[in-house]
């Protein structure tokens, strides 16, 4: 799958699975803000080949990490488009294809090096990031 190989390549190149570090290395600006509506956790804007991610500044550490991994997915997989909104845990079954891809990308990145098993499964993993359980459908190992 292209998403998984893209994630693996990023981890190999940058030596980390931390989305904020990878974004910084890619030259993507991350701006904390309180100006987004509560249902919009982050947004990626690309203009003149410059990309900036605005992210709500009151997110928990793990939720922030997931949201940045999701936005990194947009940076890598949806290069020339701006994602004007990432609604709070877009998790319904009618989400746009690019949002589903960004969710899968985020989980590949965050699961790198972790092993899911009977005592720590994909639902536990999703909950540990403060995300709704229905997002577990995007978790592939």
C-alpha atoms as a PDB file:
ATOM      1  CA  UNK A   1       0.000   0.000   0.000  1.00  0.00           C
ATOM      2  CA  UNK A   2       1.357   3.411  -0.970  1.00  0.00           C
ATOM      3  CA  UNK A   3       0.421   5.095   2.323  1.00  0.00           C
ATOM      4  CA  UNK A   4       2.364   2.561   4.389  1.00  0.00           C
ATOM      5  CA  UNK A   5       5.430   2.756   2.143  1.00  0.00           C
ATOM      6  CA  UNK A   6       5.293   6.577   2.232  1.00  0.00           C
ATOM      7  CA  UNK A   7       5.240   6.466   6.043  1.00  0.00           C
ATOM      8  CA  UNK A   8       8.073   3.927   6.149  1.00  0.00           C
ATOM      9  CA  UNK A   9      10.154   6.136   3.821  1.00  0.00           C
ATOM     10  CA  UNK A  10       9.597   9.209   5.987  1.00  0.00           C
ATOM     11  CA  UNK A  11      10.617   7.340   9.127  1.00  0.00           C
ATOM     12  CA  UNK A  12      13.737   6.030   7.411  1.00  0.00           C
ATOM     13  CA  UNK A  13      14.719   9.454   6.035  1.00  0.00           C
ATOM     14  CA  UNK A  14      14.088  11.459   9.216  1.00  0.00           C
ATOM     15  CA  UNK A  15      14.821   8.762  11.809  1.00  0.00           C
ATOM     16  CA  UNK A  16      11.640   9.447  13.756  1.00  0.00           C
ATOM     17  CA  UNK A  17       7.919   8.854  13.725  1.00  0.00           C
ATOM     18  CA  UNK A  18       7.212  12.168  15.480  1.00  0.00           C
ATOM     19  CA  UNK A  19       4.961  14.158  13.140  1.00  0.00           C
ATOM     20  CA  UNK A  20       6.021  17.564  14.454  1.00  0.00           C
ATOM     21  CA  UNK A  21       9.704  16.800  13.846  1.00  0.00           C
ATOM     22  CA  UNK A  22       9.020  15.509  10.339  1.00  0.00           C
ATOM     23  CA  UNK A  23       6.892  18.562   9.502  1.00  0.00           C
ATOM     24  CA  UNK A  24       9.673  20.865  10.712  1.00  0.00           C
ATOM     25  CA  UNK A  25      12.253  18.959   8.625  1.00  0.00           C
ATOM     26  CA  UNK A  26       9.976  19.309   5.601  1.00  0.00           C
ATOM     27  CA  UNK A  27       9.824  23.079   6.129  1.00  0.00           C
ATOM     28  CA  UNK A  28       6.142  23.097   7.080  1.00  0.00           C
ATOM     29  CA  UNK A  29       5.230  25.794   9.602  1.00  0.00           C
ATOM     30  CA  UNK A  30       3.023  24.739  12.510  1.00  0.00           C
ATOM     31  CA  UNK A  31       1.167  27.618  14.146  1.00  0.00           C
ATOM     32  CA  UNK A  32      -0.731  27.220  17.391  1.00  0.00           C
ATOM     33  CA  UNK A  33      -3.955  29.184  17.423  1.00  0.00           C
ATOM     34  CA  UNK A  34      -7.138  29.691  19.368  1.00  0.00           C
ATOM     35  CA  UNK A  35      -8.854  31.261  16.369  1.00  0.00           C
ATOM     36  CA  UNK A  36     -10.251  28.047  14.854  1.00  0.00           C
ATOM     37  CA  UNK A  37     -13.789  27.003  15.724  1.00  0.00           C
ATOM     38  CA  UNK A  38     -13.841  24.167  18.299  1.00  0.00           C
ATOM     39  CA  UNK A  39     -14.956  21.634  15.691  1.00  0.00           C
ATOM     40  CA  UNK A  40     -11.918  22.453  13.539  1.00  0.00           C
ATOM     41  CA  UNK A  41      -8.839  21.014  15.202  1.00  0.00           C
ATOM     42  CA  UNK A  42      -6.398  21.968  12.455  1.00  0.00           C
ATOM     43  CA  UNK A  43      -6.106  23.102   8.881  1.00  0.00           C
ATOM     44  CA  UNK A  44      -3.443  22.840   6.206  1.00  0.00           C
ATOM     45  CA  UNK A  45      -3.008  25.744   3.825  1.00  0.00           C
ATOM     46  CA  UNK A  46      -0.698  25.603   0.832  1.00  0.00           C
ATOM     47  CA  UNK A  47       0.006  28.701  -1.215  1.00  0.00           C
ATOM     48  CA  UNK A  48       2.918  29.456  -3.525  1.00  0.00           C
ATOM     49  CA  UNK A  49       4.497  26.109  -2.575  1.00  0.00           C
ATOM     50  CA  UNK A  50       4.567  27.104   1.125  1.00  0.00           C
ATOM     51  CA  UNK A  51       2.586  25.020   3.591  1.00  0.00           C
ATOM     52  CA  UNK A  52       1.350  26.059   7.012  1.00  0.00           C
ATOM     53  CA  UNK A  53      -0.668  24.067   9.501  1.00  0.00           C
ATOM     54  CA  UNK A  54      -2.793  25.926  12.001  1.00  0.00           C
ATOM     55  CA  UNK A  55      -3.671  23.793  15.024  1.00  0.00           C
ATOM     56  CA  UNK A  56      -5.769  24.500  18.091  1.00  0.00           C
ATOM     57  CA  UNK A  57      -3.432  25.260  20.954  1.00  0.00           C
ATOM     58  CA  UNK A  58      -5.491  23.605  23.706  1.00  0.00           C
ATOM     59  CA  UNK A  59      -5.274  19.987  22.508  1.00  0.00           C
ATOM     60  CA  UNK A  60      -3.866  17.276  24.747  1.00  0.00           C
ATOM     61  CA  UNK A  61      -0.385  16.018  23.872  1.00  0.00           C
ATOM     62  CA  UNK A  62      -1.647  12.806  22.255  1.00  0.00           C
ATOM     63  CA  UNK A  63      -4.542  14.395  20.392  1.00  0.00           C
ATOM     64  CA  UNK A  64      -2.142  17.050  19.066  1.00  0.00           C
ATOM     65  CA  UNK A  65       0.207  14.290  17.890  1.00  0.00           C
ATOM     66  CA  UNK A  66      -2.620  12.506  16.056  1.00  0.00           C
ATOM     67  CA  UNK A  67      -3.889  15.718  14.453  1.00  0.00           C
ATOM     68  CA  UNK A  68      -0.363  16.647  13.279  1.00  0.00           C
ATOM     69  CA  UNK A  69       0.150  13.118  11.921  1.00  0.00           C
ATOM     70  CA  UNK A  70      -3.166  13.468  10.083  1.00  0.00           C
ATOM     71  CA  UNK A  71      -2.123  16.832   8.639  1.00  0.00           C
ATOM     72  CA  UNK A  72       1.288  15.387   7.694  1.00  0.00           C
ATOM     73  CA  UNK A  73      -0.680  12.796   5.731  1.00  0.00           C
ATOM     74  CA  UNK A  74      -2.292  15.642   3.817  1.00  0.00           C
ATOM     75  CA  UNK A  75       1.120  17.277   3.247  1.00  0.00           C
ATOM     76  CA  UNK A  76       2.565  14.072   1.780  1.00  0.00           C
ATOM     77  CA  UNK A  77      -0.452  12.587   0.018  1.00  0.00           C
ATOM     78  CA  UNK A  78      -2.391  15.716  -1.023  1.00  0.00           C
ATOM     79  CA  UNK A  79       0.470  18.048  -1.869  1.00  0.00           C
ATOM     80  CA  UNK A  80      -1.263  20.660  -3.972  1.00  0.00           C
ATOM     81  CA  UNK A  81      -4.505  21.006  -2.061  1.00  0.00           C
ATOM     82  CA  UNK A  82      -5.391  22.938   1.048  1.00  0.00           C
ATOM     83  CA  UNK A  83      -7.447  21.114   3.621  1.00  0.00           C
ATOM     84  CA  UNK A  84      -9.477  23.976   4.917  1.00  0.00           C
ATOM     85  CA  UNK A  85     -10.833  22.016   7.817  1.00  0.00           C
ATOM     86  CA  UNK A  86     -10.389  18.870   9.821  1.00  0.00           C
ATOM     87  CA  UNK A  87     -13.646  18.587  11.726  1.00  0.00           C
ATOM     88  CA  UNK A  88     -13.365  17.250  15.230  1.00  0.00           C
ATOM     89  CA  UNK A  89     -12.534  13.595  14.678  1.00  0.00           C
ATOM     90  CA  UNK A  90     -14.262  13.216  11.338  1.00  0.00           C
ATOM     91  CA  UNK A  91     -15.244   9.681  11.973  1.00  0.00           C
ATOM     92  CA  UNK A  92     -18.605   9.026  10.365  1.00  0.00           C
ATOM     93  CA  UNK A  93     -18.857   6.632   7.462  1.00  0.00           C
ATOM     94  CA  UNK A  94     -19.395   9.363   4.865  1.00  0.00           C
ATOM     95  CA  UNK A  95     -16.083  11.172   5.247  1.00  0.00           C
ATOM     96  CA  UNK A  96     -14.228  12.344   2.136  1.00  0.00           C
ATOM     97  CA  UNK A  97     -11.604  10.014   0.667  1.00  0.00           C
ATOM     98  CA  UNK A  98      -8.713  12.376   1.464  1.00  0.00           C
ATOM     99  CA  UNK A  99      -9.737  12.490   5.131  1.00  0.00           C
ATOM    100  CA  UNK A 100      -9.827   8.685   5.299  1.00  0.00           C
ATOM    101  CA  UNK A 101      -6.364   8.543   3.685  1.00  0.00           C
ATOM    102  CA  UNK A 102      -4.996  11.090   6.158  1.00  0.00           C
ATOM    103  CA  UNK A 103      -6.440   9.076   9.060  1.00  0.00           C
ATOM    104  CA  UNK A 104      -4.823   5.868   7.791  1.00  0.00           C
ATOM    105  CA  UNK A 105      -1.522   7.684   7.217  1.00  0.00           C
ATOM    106  CA  UNK A 106      -1.616   9.040  10.782  1.00  0.00           C
ATOM    107  CA  UNK A 107      -2.194   5.618  12.270  1.00  0.00           C
ATOM    108  CA  UNK A 108       0.600   4.016  10.215  1.00  0.00           C
ATOM    109  CA  UNK A 109       2.942   6.715  11.501  1.00  0.00           C
ATOM    110  CA  UNK A 110       1.860   6.543  15.128  1.00  0.00           C
ATOM    111  CA  UNK A 111       1.820   2.743  15.201  1.00  0.00           C
ATOM    112  CA  UNK A 112       5.358   2.530  13.866  1.00  0.00           C
ATOM    113  CA  UNK A 113       7.360   0.412  16.264  1.00  0.00           C
ATOM    114  CA  UNK A 114       4.344  -0.535  18.376  1.00  0.00           C
ATOM    115  CA  UNK A 115       2.880  -3.973  18.505  1.00  0.00           C
ATOM    116  CA  UNK A 116      -0.836  -4.471  18.951  1.00  0.00           C
ATOM    117  CA  UNK A 117      -1.889  -7.668  20.673  1.00  0.00           C
ATOM    118  CA  UNK A 118      -4.718  -9.067  22.764  1.00  0.00           C
ATOM    119  CA  UNK A 119      -3.829  -6.929  25.781  1.00  0.00           C
ATOM    120  CA  UNK A 120      -3.379  -3.712  23.727  1.00  0.00           C
ATOM    121  CA  UNK A 121      -5.538  -3.645  20.634  1.00  0.00           C
ATOM    122  CA  UNK A 122      -6.472  -1.002  18.077  1.00  0.00           C
ATOM    123  CA  UNK A 123      -9.357   0.239  20.244  1.00  0.00           C
ATOM    124  CA  UNK A 124      -7.008   0.735  23.183  1.00  0.00           C
ATOM    125  CA  UNK A 125      -4.595   2.548  20.882  1.00  0.00           C
ATOM    126  CA  UNK A 126      -7.286   4.898  19.542  1.00  0.00           C
ATOM    127  CA  UNK A 127      -8.573   5.619  23.063  1.00  0.00           C
ATOM    128  CA  UNK A 128      -5.021   6.333  24.271  1.00  0.00           C
ATOM    129  CA  UNK A 129      -4.947   9.250  21.805  1.00  0.00           C
ATOM    130  CA  UNK A 130      -8.279  10.574  23.069  1.00  0.00           C
ATOM    131  CA  UNK A 131     -10.006   9.641  19.817  1.00  0.00           C
ATOM    132  CA  UNK A 132     -13.430   8.099  19.256  1.00  0.00           C
ATOM    133  CA  UNK A 133     -13.417   4.306  18.968  1.00  0.00           C
ATOM    134  CA  UNK A 134     -14.972   4.460  15.499  1.00  0.00           C
ATOM    135  CA  UNK A 135     -11.625   5.734  14.180  1.00  0.00           C
ATOM    136  CA  UNK A 136     -10.217   2.256  14.909  1.00  0.00           C
ATOM    137  CA  UNK A 137     -11.475   1.167  11.488  1.00  0.00           C
ATOM    138  CA  UNK A 138      -8.579   3.157   9.986  1.00  0.00           C
ATOM    139  CA  UNK A 139      -5.993   1.240  12.023  1.00  0.00           C
ATOM    140  CA  UNK A 140      -4.172  -1.371   9.945  1.00  0.00           C
ATOM    141  CA  UNK A 141      -1.197  -3.333  11.119  1.00  0.00           C
END
